[in-house]
Amino acid sequence: MRKKRIFIAIPIQKDLKKKIVEWGRRHKNLGVEWVAAKNLHLTLIPPWYVENIDEICDLLTQIGGNFSEFKINISRIESSPKVIWTPVENSIELLKLKEALERILTKKPEKRPFKPHITIAKLRQKRIFVNEKIRWKQKVDSIVLMQSHISRKGSDYEIIHQQFLEHIPRPGAQKHGHISHQAP
């Protein structure tokens, strides 16, 4: 069986994708390589190689039942030497979700600090300075297992499994409906 390059991410919802694409259209003269709307995501667990994706999907199902949806806030668009990106404000929910994923997937935390972000463009040769205030939000109601397909044209990402965040209260707590969701 051939190993697949996978990672765990928060999918970017339609409304936020639309805002990012519109921002890119207004700045099309920057001469950068824009990330396709379908490839926009916020990485929680960086890529690694596996043979059995089913095991990972089962672990994500366990995580999904322990977390409720939450919001992320984006207040800037910035550039670094290699990319244009939107730093995402750290929240307790986001950090707890990342830590729980690392624990259940037995992944060691990265040595560098976690800087949640969405890459929106890759810089080619020249350096570009971007530092713009914005006010974007997104509800985080799921996590996704994505497969990375790398070619000469760049990276393309495919959602293999989507797990909705549906905290199941313990007996005696306020009850909410629970429906199991998976991407086709």
Protein backbone atom coordinates (compact mmCIF):
# COMPACT_ATOMS: atom_id res chain seq x y z
CA MET A 1 0.00 0.00 0.00
CA ARG A 2 1.32 3.44 -0.91
CA LYS A 3 1.69 6.07 1.80
CA LYS A 4 -0.37 9.24 1.55
CA ARG A 5 0.69 12.72 2.62
CA ILE A 6 -2.03 13.98 4.95
CA PHE A 7 -2.65 16.76 7.45
CA ILE A 8 -5.42 18.00 9.75
CA ALA A 9 -6.98 21.41 9.14
CA ILE A 10 -9.94 23.67 9.71
CA PRO A 11 -11.80 24.12 6.42
CA ILE A 12 -12.47 27.69 5.32
CA GLN A 13 -16.17 28.36 4.83
CA LYS A 14 -17.74 29.92 1.73
CA ASP A 15 -18.22 33.40 3.20
CA LEU A 16 -14.60 33.72 4.27
CA LYS A 17 -13.34 32.21 1.01
CA LYS A 18 -15.35 34.85 -0.85
CA LYS A 19 -13.75 37.66 1.20
CA ILE A 20 -10.26 36.27 0.61
CA VAL A 21 -10.84 35.91 -3.15
CA GLU A 22 -12.31 39.45 -3.35
CA TRP A 23 -9.27 40.82 -1.47
CA GLY A 24 -7.03 39.01 -3.97
CA ARG A 25 -8.91 40.50 -6.92
CA ARG A 26 -8.42 44.00 -5.50
CA HIS A 27 -4.69 43.26 -5.21
CA LYS A 28 -4.18 41.29 -8.44
CA ASN A 29 -1.35 43.62 -9.46
CA LEU A 30 0.90 42.17 -6.72
CA GLY A 31 2.19 39.50 -9.11
CA VAL A 32 1.85 36.61 -6.67
CA GLU A 33 0.61 33.04 -6.96
CA TRP A 34 -2.83 33.06 -5.30
CA VAL A 35 -3.94 29.96 -3.41
CA ALA A 36 -7.04 28.50 -5.09
CA ALA A 37 -10.20 29.01 -3.01
CA LYS A 38 -10.70 25.22 -2.73
CA ASN A 39 -7.22 24.89 -1.18
CA LEU A 40 -7.66 27.52 1.58
CA HIS A 41 -7.40 26.02 5.08
CA LEU A 42 -5.96 26.56 8.55
CA THR A 43 -3.46 23.80 9.38
CA LEU A 44 -3.73 22.30 12.86
CA ILE A 45 -1.43 19.29 12.43
CA PRO A 46 1.25 19.59 9.72
CA PRO A 47 1.68 16.95 7.00
CA TRP A 48 2.90 13.43 7.63
CA TYR A 49 2.73 10.13 5.73
CA VAL A 50 0.38 7.21 6.50
CA GLU A 51 -0.82 4.05 4.85
CA ASN A 52 -4.10 3.55 6.73
CA ILE A 53 -6.34 6.62 6.59
CA ASP A 54 -9.28 4.77 8.22
CA GLU A 55 -7.50 4.77 11.59
CA ILE A 56 -7.03 8.54 11.41
CA CYS A 57 -10.70 9.04 10.49
CA ASP A 58 -11.75 6.96 13.53
CA LEU A 59 -9.57 9.11 15.80
CA LEU A 60 -11.06 12.32 14.36
CA THR A 61 -14.54 10.97 15.09
CA GLN A 62 -13.55 10.63 18.76
CA ILE A 63 -12.26 14.23 18.83
CA GLY A 64 -15.39 15.62 17.15
CA GLY A 65 -17.61 14.46 19.99
CA ASN A 66 -15.52 16.30 22.57
CA PHE A 67 -15.60 19.79 21.08
CA SER A 68 -18.29 22.34 20.37
CA GLU A 69 -18.14 24.82 17.54
CA PHE A 70 -16.37 28.12 18.16
CA LYS A 71 -15.34 31.24 16.24
CA ILE A 72 -12.00 32.39 14.91
CA ASN A 73 -11.12 36.03 14.31
CA ILE A 74 -8.83 37.44 11.66
CA SER A 75 -7.77 41.05 12.02
CA ARG A 76 -4.83 41.41 9.59
CA ILE A 77 -3.42 40.40 6.26
CA GLU A 78 0.39 40.33 6.33
CA SER A 79 3.32 39.24 4.24
CA SER A 80 6.45 37.31 5.07
CA PRO A 81 9.36 36.63 2.73
CA LYS A 82 7.50 33.68 1.16
CA VAL A 83 3.74 34.21 1.56
CA ILE A 84 0.81 36.54 2.08
CA TRP A 85 -1.18 35.22 5.01
CA THR A 86 -3.89 36.03 7.52
CA PRO A 87 -2.80 35.41 11.12
CA VAL A 88 -5.69 33.94 13.12
CA GLU A 89 -6.10 35.14 16.68
CA ASN A 90 -5.30 32.33 19.10
CA SER A 91 -8.20 31.27 21.28
CA ILE A 92 -8.47 28.79 24.11
CA GLU A 93 -10.76 26.59 21.98
CA LEU A 94 -8.33 26.57 19.06
CA LEU A 95 -5.35 25.69 21.27
CA LYS A 96 -7.27 22.96 23.11
CA LEU A 97 -8.39 21.44 19.80
CA LYS A 98 -4.81 21.39 18.49
CA GLU A 99 -3.50 19.87 21.74
CA ALA A 100 -6.21 17.19 21.74
CA LEU A 101 -5.37 16.30 18.13
CA GLU A 102 -1.67 16.04 18.95
CA ARG A 103 -2.46 13.81 21.91
CA ILE A 104 -4.83 11.42 20.13
CA LEU A 105 -2.65 11.24 17.01
CA THR A 106 0.48 10.86 19.16
CA LYS A 107 2.13 13.81 17.41
CA LYS A 108 4.80 15.75 19.25
CA PRO A 109 4.04 19.48 19.37
CA GLU A 110 6.16 21.49 16.98
CA LYS A 111 9.18 23.19 18.52
CA ARG A 112 8.19 26.55 17.09
CA PRO A 113 5.18 28.34 18.58
CA PHE A 114 1.79 27.64 16.99
CA LYS A 115 0.88 30.58 14.76
CA PRO A 116 -2.50 29.77 13.26
CA HIS A 117 -2.94 31.34 9.84
CA ILE A 118 -4.40 30.98 6.38
CA THR A 119 -1.93 31.25 3.50
CA ILE A 120 -3.62 33.19 0.71
CA ALA A 121 -0.74 33.68 -1.75
CA LYS A 122 2.80 32.53 -2.39
CA LEU A 123 5.41 35.05 -3.36
CA ARG A 124 7.48 34.43 -6.44
CA GLN A 125 10.74 36.31 -6.76
CA LYS A 126 10.13 39.75 -5.34
CA ARG A 127 9.44 40.81 -1.80
CA ILE A 128 6.12 42.44 -1.10
CA PHE A 129 5.09 44.30 2.02
CA VAL A 130 1.47 43.80 3.09
CA ASN A 131 0.05 44.86 6.44
CA GLU A 132 -3.66 45.60 6.27
CA LYS A 133 -6.29 45.67 8.99
CA ILE A 134 -9.41 43.61 8.34
CA ARG A 135 -12.31 42.22 10.37
CA TRP A 136 -13.13 38.71 9.31
CA LYS A 137 -14.66 35.89 11.37
CA GLN A 138 -15.53 32.30 10.82
CA LYS A 139 -17.45 29.71 12.76
CA VAL A 140 -15.39 26.55 13.24
CA ASP A 141 -17.80 23.65 13.20
CA SER A 142 -15.58 20.94 11.75
CA ILE A 143 -12.08 19.69 11.15
CA VAL A 144 -10.88 17.92 8.03
CA LEU A 145 -8.35 15.28 7.10
CA MET A 146 -6.74 16.53 3.90
CA GLN A 147 -4.49 14.76 1.45
CA SER A 148 -1.74 16.79 -0.18
CA HIS A 149 -1.05 16.14 -3.86
CA ILE A 150 2.25 17.72 -4.88
CA SER A 151 3.15 18.28 -8.52
CA ARG A 152 5.30 20.58 -10.61
CA LYS A 153 2.37 23.01 -10.72
CA GLY A 154 2.27 23.19 -6.91
CA SER A 155 0.19 21.66 -4.16
CA ASP A 156 -3.44 20.65 -4.43
CA TYR A 157 -5.46 19.51 -1.44
CA GLU A 158 -8.29 17.01 -1.22
CA ILE A 159 -10.65 16.60 1.73
CA ILE A 160 -10.63 12.91 2.66
CA HIS A 161 -12.81 13.13 5.79
CA GLN A 162 -14.77 15.90 7.48
CA GLN A 163 -15.61 15.60 11.16
CA PHE A 164 -18.12 17.99 12.65
CA LEU A 165 -17.57 19.27 16.17
CA GLU A 166 -20.55 18.05 18.15
CA HIS A 167 -19.99 17.97 21.85
CA ILE A 168 -22.12 15.22 23.38
CA PRO A 169 -23.09 16.27 26.90
CA ARG A 170 -22.90 13.82 29.76
CA PRO A 171 -26.16 12.56 31.30
CA GLY A 172 -27.87 15.28 33.30
CA ALA A 173 -26.37 18.08 31.19
CA GLN A 174 -28.29 20.10 28.63
CA LYS A 175 -28.99 17.87 25.63
CA HIS A 176 -28.27 18.64 21.97
CA GLY A 177 -28.87 16.45 18.95
CA HIS A 178 -26.01 14.35 17.64
CA ILE A 179 -25.68 13.44 14.00
CA SER A 180 -22.67 11.71 12.55
CA HIS A 181 -21.32 13.57 9.52
CA GLN A 182 -18.68 12.50 7.09
CA ALA A 183 -17.63 13.92 3.76
CA PRO A 184 -18.54 11.66 0.86
